[in-house]
Amino acid sequence: MITFVAEEPRQAGVSDSKQLLSRVVVGLRLREMPLFYLMVVLPTLVSAIYLLLIASPIYVSQASFFVRSANAAQATGLNFVLQGVGLGQAETDSFAVHDYIMSRDAIADLDQHHNLRGVLSRPGADFFARFPRPFQRAQVEDLFKAYPHYVNVSYDGTTGITSLKVKAFRPEDARNIAQALLDDGEGVINQLNAQAQRDAVVEAAREVADDQVQVALAQQNLTAFRNHEQLIDPDRSSAMSSELVNKLSTEQATLRAERAGLATAAPQSPQLPALDSRINAYGGEIASQQSKIAGETGSLAPKIATYEQLTLDREFADRALSSALTSLEAAKIDARRKRLYLERVVNPSLPDAATEPKRLGSLALVLVSALLAYGTTLLIMAGFREHRQV
């Protein structure tokens, strides 16, 4: 009894499975055979005719690249991983290259220089794979919509490497298009570099230009002062006058000492008037030289003040210009340090065999999908029948 009771649920389950199987088999009865032909045989037959007899061979050229800065280490091995961890400027510009490759600008460049429309409509290409397809027109907008079917870019966030795939009906066409896209991508990077360098250097260059104007103006003011006052260097002239005054004062002191000695020894000496005359002459010359240095309206003192101010202005302008030139050179060095490069990891390949379409695999997928759809339809129909019987 125990064994009988244990076996009874299993037998009931087997019975249910047989009933379900019988329902599916019933679907193959004569009255449901048209549905089988419609949902399974016809799609599979049409797919087989297209894939095995009509579908054109498609060649795929593959390439890979990454964008790095000038001061970055060579991105190999672990460096690839480290580059992919952080979202840096190089990664941002890598996405800029991606956007360009899939943009209308890239399509226009390829169509103008590499006859993209002709490449995608080669003689012998089947009507479903070529451009334009039966339901498309040979216009830019339709070409832009069809373009992702032939060109694809994918980014690996772990390594920072971008993969490029280009499909065409001839191997050399696929390679040429891939090569052109990489070349144009390098052009995009060069434009970004030029713009970044202009942005970094233009302000420093403008400051240099302004400081150069200030230096020229300061030098012009100094030259105008020298021409007007007929003095090259008032400081030097003042020093020379002071030196002359010192010499005259020394000579005058010597004469006074000589007169004092002579007056003591011979008060009635006829040389005394001559010495007094010479002493007075020295005194007059000393007074004249001192008045030239300071005290009169045309003396050197105010001229020295003006000259020193003009000289100070020129020195400040020279220092500002020197600092601006240093900043400009630093900006150029920084711009070069931040310069980006598109490095090719794998150059565009020349495919030696067509890899698409995958004829047998695609046909098997169509068959399995049709069978699944057909089986699902039968189960739904059987459910409706049971519902009606209930």
Protein backbone atom coordinates (compact mmCIF):
# COMPACT_ATOMS: atom_id res chain seq x y z
CA MET A 1 0.00 0.00 0.00
CA ILE A 2 2.78 2.42 0.83
CA THR A 3 4.48 1.79 -2.48
CA PHE A 4 1.19 2.16 -4.35
CA VAL A 5 0.38 5.47 -2.73
CA ALA A 6 3.90 6.83 -3.45
CA GLU A 7 3.67 5.87 -7.09
CA GLU A 8 0.21 7.35 -7.67
CA PRO A 9 1.25 11.07 -7.83
CA ARG A 10 4.12 10.26 -10.20
CA GLN A 11 1.76 8.39 -12.50
CA ALA A 12 -0.65 11.28 -12.39
CA GLY A 13 2.18 13.68 -13.35
CA VAL A 14 3.19 11.45 -16.24
CA SER A 15 -0.40 11.39 -17.37
CA ASP A 16 -0.58 15.20 -17.36
CA SER A 17 2.65 15.42 -19.37
CA LYS A 18 1.29 12.95 -21.90
CA GLN A 19 -1.88 14.95 -22.19
CA LEU A 20 0.07 18.17 -22.75
CA LEU A 21 2.23 16.45 -25.35
CA SER A 22 -0.81 15.09 -27.06
CA ARG A 23 -2.24 18.59 -27.26
CA VAL A 24 0.89 19.80 -28.99
CA VAL A 25 0.84 16.83 -31.34
CA VAL A 26 -2.79 17.57 -32.11
CA GLY A 27 -1.55 20.85 -33.53
CA LEU A 28 -0.01 18.91 -36.37
CA ARG A 29 -3.35 17.63 -37.49
CA LEU A 30 -4.41 18.34 -40.98
CA ARG A 31 -6.59 21.31 -40.09
CA GLU A 32 -3.65 23.12 -38.39
CA MET A 33 -0.98 22.30 -40.96
CA PRO A 34 -1.49 25.64 -42.80
CA LEU A 35 -0.51 27.45 -39.58
CA PHE A 36 2.66 25.37 -39.35
CA TYR A 37 3.57 26.17 -42.94
CA LEU A 38 2.80 29.85 -42.39
CA MET A 39 4.71 30.27 -39.14
CA VAL A 40 7.59 27.82 -39.55
CA VAL A 41 8.10 26.53 -43.05
CA LEU A 42 7.57 29.80 -44.92
CA PRO A 43 9.86 32.04 -42.76
CA THR A 44 12.55 29.36 -42.71
CA LEU A 45 12.31 28.86 -46.47
CA VAL A 46 12.45 32.60 -47.18
CA SER A 47 15.39 33.02 -44.81
CA ALA A 48 17.19 30.08 -46.39
CA ILE A 49 16.72 31.49 -49.88
CA TYR A 50 18.03 34.91 -48.79
CA LEU A 51 20.91 33.70 -46.60
CA LEU A 52 22.14 30.89 -48.83
CA LEU A 53 21.45 32.29 -52.28
CA ILE A 54 21.01 36.06 -52.16
CA ALA A 55 22.87 37.55 -49.16
CA SER A 56 26.11 39.23 -50.17
CA PRO A 57 29.32 38.48 -48.28
CA ILE A 58 30.28 41.30 -45.93
CA TYR A 59 33.86 42.02 -44.91
CA VAL A 60 34.64 43.54 -41.52
CA SER A 61 37.74 45.63 -40.85
CA GLN A 62 38.61 46.12 -37.20
CA ALA A 63 40.85 48.65 -35.46
CA SER A 64 41.39 49.90 -31.93
CA PHE A 65 42.81 53.08 -30.46
CA PHE A 66 42.97 55.18 -27.32
CA VAL A 67 43.57 58.83 -26.51
CA ARG A 68 46.36 59.82 -24.13
CA SER A 69 48.01 63.03 -23.00
CA ALA A 70 51.61 63.93 -23.78
CA ASN A 71 52.79 63.53 -20.19
CA ALA A 72 51.05 60.20 -19.68
CA ALA A 73 52.97 56.97 -19.50
CA GLN A 74 52.75 54.60 -22.41
CA ALA A 75 49.33 53.03 -22.01
CA THR A 76 50.11 49.35 -21.99
CA GLY A 77 49.31 46.63 -19.53
CA LEU A 78 48.46 48.02 -16.12
CA ASN A 79 48.55 51.58 -17.44
CA PHE A 80 45.53 50.78 -19.58
CA VAL A 81 43.64 49.79 -16.47
CA LEU A 82 44.74 52.89 -14.59
CA GLN A 83 43.66 55.10 -17.45
CA GLY A 84 40.24 53.49 -17.50
CA VAL A 85 39.63 53.98 -13.78
CA GLY A 86 39.52 57.79 -13.78
CA LEU A 87 37.45 59.95 -16.08
CA GLY A 88 40.20 62.27 -17.30
CA GLN A 89 40.53 64.75 -20.12
CA ALA A 90 41.85 62.05 -22.44
CA GLU A 91 38.74 59.93 -21.88
CA THR A 92 36.48 62.91 -22.52
CA ASP A 93 38.27 63.64 -25.79
CA SER A 94 38.06 59.95 -26.65
CA PHE A 95 34.29 60.29 -26.50
CA ALA A 96 34.61 63.35 -28.72
CA VAL A 97 36.30 61.13 -31.31
CA HIS A 98 33.45 58.61 -30.93
CA ASP A 99 30.87 61.32 -31.52
CA TYR A 100 32.72 62.50 -34.60
CA ILE A 101 32.98 59.00 -36.09
CA MET A 102 29.21 58.56 -35.81
CA SER A 103 28.35 62.12 -36.84
CA ARG A 104 27.03 63.66 -40.01
CA ASP A 105 30.36 65.45 -40.42
CA ALA A 106 32.18 62.12 -40.66
CA ILE A 107 29.61 60.87 -43.17
CA ALA A 108 30.02 64.03 -45.26
CA ASP A 109 33.83 63.72 -45.21
CA LEU A 110 33.70 60.05 -46.18
CA ASP A 111 31.19 60.71 -48.93
CA GLN A 112 33.26 63.59 -50.31
CA HIS A 113 36.71 62.02 -50.20
CA HIS A 114 36.03 58.27 -50.24
CA ASN A 115 32.72 57.93 -52.15
CA LEU A 116 30.83 56.41 -49.20
CA ARG A 117 27.62 56.01 -51.19
CA GLY A 118 29.47 54.11 -53.89
CA VAL A 119 31.17 51.87 -51.32
CA LEU A 120 27.80 50.97 -49.74
CA SER A 121 26.13 50.30 -53.08
CA ARG A 122 28.71 48.15 -54.86
CA PRO A 123 27.46 46.12 -57.82
CA GLY A 124 26.44 42.67 -56.66
CA ALA A 125 25.44 43.75 -53.16
CA ASP A 126 22.02 42.40 -52.26
CA PHE A 127 19.10 44.78 -51.92
CA PHE A 128 18.70 44.28 -48.16
CA ALA A 129 22.33 44.89 -47.24
CA ARG A 130 23.21 47.71 -49.66
CA PHE A 131 22.38 51.39 -49.44
CA PRO A 132 19.83 52.56 -50.24
CA ARG A 133 17.54 49.67 -49.37
CA PRO A 134 14.25 49.22 -51.21
CA PHE A 135 12.44 51.37 -48.65
CA GLN A 136 15.13 54.08 -48.47
CA ARG A 137 16.20 57.01 -50.60
CA ALA A 138 19.76 58.01 -51.42
CA GLN A 139 19.56 61.12 -49.25
CA VAL A 140 21.78 62.34 -46.44
CA GLU A 141 19.22 61.68 -43.73
CA ASP A 142 18.65 58.10 -44.89
CA LEU A 143 22.40 57.60 -45.17
CA PHE A 144 22.80 58.86 -41.60
CA LYS A 145 20.18 56.37 -40.39
CA ALA A 146 21.80 53.49 -42.27
CA TYR A 147 25.36 54.44 -41.30
CA PRO A 148 25.39 52.64 -37.89
CA HIS A 149 24.66 49.39 -39.73
CA TYR A 150 28.08 49.66 -41.39
CA VAL A 151 30.18 51.52 -38.78
CA ASN A 152 30.30 50.79 -35.08
CA VAL A 153 32.44 52.09 -32.19
CA SER A 154 32.56 50.60 -28.70
CA TYR A 155 34.46 51.82 -25.64
CA ASP A 156 35.99 49.54 -23.00
CA GLY A 157 35.84 51.43 -19.71
CA THR A 158 38.32 49.02 -18.09
CA THR A 159 41.17 49.48 -20.54
CA GLY A 160 40.22 52.84 -22.07
CA ILE A 161 40.48 51.33 -25.57
CA THR A 162 37.98 52.06 -28.32
CA SER A 163 37.17 49.40 -30.91
CA LEU A 164 36.14 50.39 -34.42
CA LYS A 165 34.38 48.03 -36.83
CA VAL A 166 33.61 48.88 -40.44
CA LYS A 167 31.55 46.66 -42.74
CA ALA A 168 31.71 46.76 -46.53
CA PHE A 169 31.19 44.53 -49.54
CA ARG A 170 34.88 44.60 -50.46
CA PRO A 171 37.79 44.07 -48.06
CA GLU A 172 39.75 47.08 -49.29
CA ASP A 173 36.67 49.30 -48.91
CA ALA A 174 36.28 48.26 -45.27
CA ARG A 175 39.94 48.95 -44.53
CA ASN A 176 39.97 52.28 -46.37
CA ILE A 177 36.91 53.56 -44.55
CA ALA A 178 38.34 52.50 -41.18
CA GLN A 179 41.67 54.15 -42.02
CA ALA A 180 39.93 57.36 -43.08
CA LEU A 181 37.92 57.46 -39.85
CA LEU A 182 41.07 57.07 -37.75
CA ASP A 183 42.83 59.78 -39.75
CA ASP A 184 39.88 62.11 -39.31
CA GLY A 185 39.78 61.22 -35.60
CA GLU A 186 43.39 62.34 -35.33
CA GLY A 187 42.35 65.55 -37.05
CA VAL A 188 39.68 66.08 -34.37
CA ILE A 189 42.30 65.59 -31.64
CA ASN A 190 44.63 68.06 -33.38
CA GLN A 191 41.84 70.63 -33.54
CA LEU A 192 41.16 70.15 -29.83
CA ASN A 193 44.88 70.55 -29.12
CA ALA A 194 45.08 73.74 -31.17
CA GLN A 195 42.03 75.19 -29.44
CA ALA A 196 43.37 74.29 -25.99
CA GLN A 197 46.74 75.84 -26.82
CA ARG A 198 45.09 79.02 -28.06
CA ASP A 199 42.97 79.23 -24.91
CA ALA A 200 46.02 78.68 -22.68
CA VAL A 201 48.40 81.02 -24.50
CA VAL A 202 46.20 83.84 -25.77
CA GLU A 203 45.84 85.56 -22.38
CA ALA A 204 49.56 85.34 -21.63
CA ALA A 205 50.37 86.60 -25.14
CA ARG A 206 47.99 89.52 -24.71
CA GLU A 207 49.69 90.41 -21.43
CA VAL A 208 53.09 90.30 -23.14
CA ALA A 209 51.84 92.60 -25.89
CA ASP A 210 50.46 95.08 -23.34
CA ASP A 211 53.70 95.07 -21.37
CA GLN A 212 55.72 95.58 -24.54
CA VAL A 213 53.64 98.69 -25.24
CA GLN A 214 54.33 99.93 -21.72
CA VAL A 215 58.07 99.35 -22.09
CA ALA A 216 58.12 101.22 -25.39
CA LEU A 217 56.13 104.10 -23.87
CA ALA A 218 58.46 104.31 -20.85
CA GLN A 219 61.52 104.33 -23.09
CA GLN A 220 59.93 106.97 -25.31
CA ASN A 221 59.22 109.22 -22.31
CA LEU A 222 62.78 108.82 -21.10
CA THR A 223 64.19 109.65 -24.51
CA ALA A 224 61.94 112.71 -24.80
CA PHE A 225 63.16 113.93 -21.41
CA ARG A 226 66.82 113.53 -22.42
CA ASN A 227 66.26 115.38 -25.67
CA HIS A 228 64.41 118.20 -23.96
CA GLU A 229 66.88 118.62 -21.11
CA GLN A 230 69.91 117.77 -23.27
CA LEU A 231 71.09 115.41 -20.57
CA ILE A 232 71.81 111.74 -20.95
CA ASP A 233 71.97 111.05 -17.24
CA PRO A 234 71.22 113.81 -14.70
CA ASP A 235 72.50 111.60 -11.93
CA ARG A 236 75.89 111.33 -13.60
CA SER A 237 75.93 115.06 -14.33
CA SER A 238 75.11 115.78 -10.71
CA ALA A 239 77.87 113.44 -9.57
CA MET A 240 80.37 115.17 -11.86
CA SER A 241 79.30 118.60 -10.57
CA SER A 242 79.60 117.42 -7.00
CA GLU A 243 83.03 116.05 -7.72
CA LEU A 244 84.05 119.40 -9.24
CA VAL A 245 82.72 121.27 -6.21
CA ASN A 246 84.74 119.02 -3.97
CA LYS A 247 87.91 119.70 -5.96
CA LEU A 248 87.27 123.46 -5.95
CA SER A 249 86.60 123.40 -2.25
CA THR A 250 89.86 121.54 -1.70
CA GLU A 251 91.77 124.05 -3.81
CA GLN A 252 90.07 126.94 -2.01
CA ALA A 253 90.96 125.47 1.36
CA THR A 254 94.58 125.12 0.25
CA LEU A 255 94.70 128.75 -0.87
CA ARG A 256 93.19 129.94 2.37
CA ALA A 257 95.75 128.01 4.34
CA GLU A 258 98.53 129.47 2.15
CA ARG A 259 97.17 133.03 2.63
CA ALA A 260 96.90 132.55 6.35
CA GLY A 261 100.51 131.45 6.56
CA LEU A 262 101.68 134.30 4.32
CA ALA A 263 99.68 136.89 6.28
CA THR A 264 101.29 135.73 9.47
CA ALA A 265 104.80 135.79 8.08
CA ALA A 266 104.52 138.97 5.95
CA PRO A 267 101.40 141.04 6.60
CA GLN A 268 102.37 143.55 3.97
CA SER A 269 103.17 141.00 1.28
CA PRO A 270 101.99 142.06 -2.20
CA GLN A 271 100.87 138.42 -2.83
CA LEU A 272 98.01 138.67 -0.40
CA PRO A 273 95.63 140.51 -2.78
CA ALA A 274 96.36 137.95 -5.50
CA LEU A 275 95.57 135.11 -3.13
CA ASP A 276 92.35 136.79 -2.03
CA SER A 277 91.34 137.18 -5.64
CA ARG A 278 91.95 133.51 -6.35
CA ILE A 279 90.08 132.47 -3.20
CA ASN A 280 87.08 134.57 -4.18
CA ALA A 281 87.16 133.13 -7.72
CA TYR A 282 87.07 129.60 -6.33
CA GLY A 283 84.23 130.58 -4.05
CA GLY A 284 82.26 132.00 -6.95
CA GLU A 285 82.78 128.88 -9.04
CA ILE A 286 81.77 126.68 -6.12
CA ALA A 287 78.61 128.68 -5.63
CA SER A 288 77.86 128.48 -9.36
CA GLN A 289 78.28 124.71 -9.44
CA GLN A 290 76.18 124.26 -6.33
CA SER A 291 73.41 126.36 -7.80
CA LYS A 292 73.42 124.11 -10.85
CA ILE A 293 72.98 121.08 -8.63
CA ALA A 294 70.21 122.51 -6.44
CA GLY A 295 68.56 125.73 -5.48
CA GLU A 296 67.69 127.34 -8.84
CA THR A 297 64.77 126.74 -11.14
CA GLY A 298 66.97 125.14 -13.79
CA SER A 299 69.05 123.13 -11.33
CA LEU A 300 69.62 119.40 -11.61
CA ALA A 301 67.61 118.50 -8.49
CA PRO A 302 64.12 118.58 -10.09
CA LYS A 303 65.51 117.04 -13.28
CA ILE A 304 66.98 114.20 -11.26
CA ALA A 305 63.60 113.59 -9.61
CA THR A 306 61.86 113.45 -13.00
CA TYR A 307 64.62 111.30 -14.46
CA GLU A 308 64.49 108.86 -11.57
CA GLN A 309 60.70 108.55 -11.91
CA LEU A 310 61.01 107.88 -15.62
CA THR A 311 63.78 105.36 -14.99
CA LEU A 312 61.67 103.65 -12.31
CA ASP A 313 58.71 103.46 -14.71
CA ARG A 314 60.93 101.81 -17.30
CA GLU A 315 62.30 99.33 -14.78
CA PHE A 316 58.77 98.39 -13.68
CA ALA A 317 57.74 97.95 -17.31
CA ASP A 318 60.81 95.80 -17.98
CA ARG A 319 60.08 93.62 -14.96
CA ALA A 320 56.41 93.26 -15.95
CA LEU A 321 57.44 92.29 -19.47
CA SER A 322 59.94 89.76 -18.14
CA SER A 323 57.28 88.24 -15.89
CA ALA A 324 54.77 88.13 -18.76
CA LEU A 325 57.32 86.41 -21.01
CA THR A 326 57.95 83.84 -18.28
CA SER A 327 54.20 83.26 -17.93
CA LEU A 328 53.85 82.90 -21.69
CA GLU A 329 56.61 80.30 -21.84
CA ALA A 330 55.06 78.45 -18.89
CA ALA A 331 51.67 78.49 -20.65
CA LYS A 332 53.23 77.05 -23.80
CA ILE A 333 54.97 74.32 -21.81
CA ASP A 334 51.73 73.51 -19.98
CA ALA A 335 49.82 73.39 -23.25
CA ARG A 336 52.39 70.99 -24.69
CA ARG A 337 52.21 68.90 -21.53
CA LYS A 338 48.44 68.61 -21.87
CA ARG A 339 48.55 67.85 -25.58
CA LEU A 340 46.54 64.78 -26.55
CA TYR A 341 47.43 62.03 -28.99
CA LEU A 342 45.40 59.34 -30.68
CA GLU A 343 47.40 56.12 -30.32
CA ARG A 344 46.53 53.19 -32.56
CA VAL A 345 46.65 49.88 -30.75
CA VAL A 346 45.57 47.91 -33.82
CA ASN A 347 45.67 49.38 -37.32
CA PRO A 348 42.70 48.75 -39.63
CA SER A 349 42.85 45.19 -40.85
CA LEU A 350 42.40 43.97 -44.40
CA PRO A 351 39.92 41.08 -44.05
CA ASP A 352 40.76 38.05 -46.16
CA ALA A 353 37.37 36.38 -45.71
CA ALA A 354 33.78 37.49 -45.27
CA THR A 355 32.60 37.09 -41.68
CA GLU A 356 29.01 38.20 -42.23
CA PRO A 357 26.30 37.17 -42.60
CA LYS A 358 26.56 34.04 -40.44
CA ARG A 359 24.39 32.03 -42.76
CA LEU A 360 23.85 28.73 -40.94
CA GLY A 361 23.70 30.33 -37.52
CA SER A 362 21.17 32.90 -38.68
CA LEU A 363 19.09 30.24 -40.39
CA ALA A 364 19.08 28.08 -37.26
CA LEU A 365 18.02 31.09 -35.22
CA VAL A 366 15.12 31.77 -37.57
CA LEU A 367 14.01 28.14 -37.40
CA VAL A 368 14.15 27.96 -33.60
CA SER A 369 12.36 31.30 -33.25
CA ALA A 370 9.64 30.18 -35.67
CA LEU A 371 9.17 26.89 -33.80
CA LEU A 372 8.91 28.69 -30.48
CA ALA A 373 6.37 31.12 -31.90
CA TYR A 374 4.42 28.27 -33.44
CA GLY A 375 4.44 26.22 -30.22
CA THR A 376 3.33 29.23 -28.20
CA THR A 377 0.51 29.85 -30.63
CA LEU A 378 -0.65 26.23 -30.34
CA LEU A 379 -0.67 26.40 -26.55
CA ILE A 380 -2.71 29.60 -26.65
CA MET A 381 -5.17 28.03 -29.09
CA ALA A 382 -5.47 24.92 -26.93
CA GLY A 383 -6.19 27.10 -23.91
CA PHE A 384 -8.98 28.85 -25.78
CA ARG A 385 -10.49 25.48 -26.76
CA GLU A 386 -10.46 24.21 -23.17
CA HIS A 387 -11.99 27.48 -22.02
CA ARG A 388 -14.81 27.07 -24.53
CA GLN A 389 -15.41 23.47 -23.48
CA VAL A 390 -15.65 24.52 -19.85
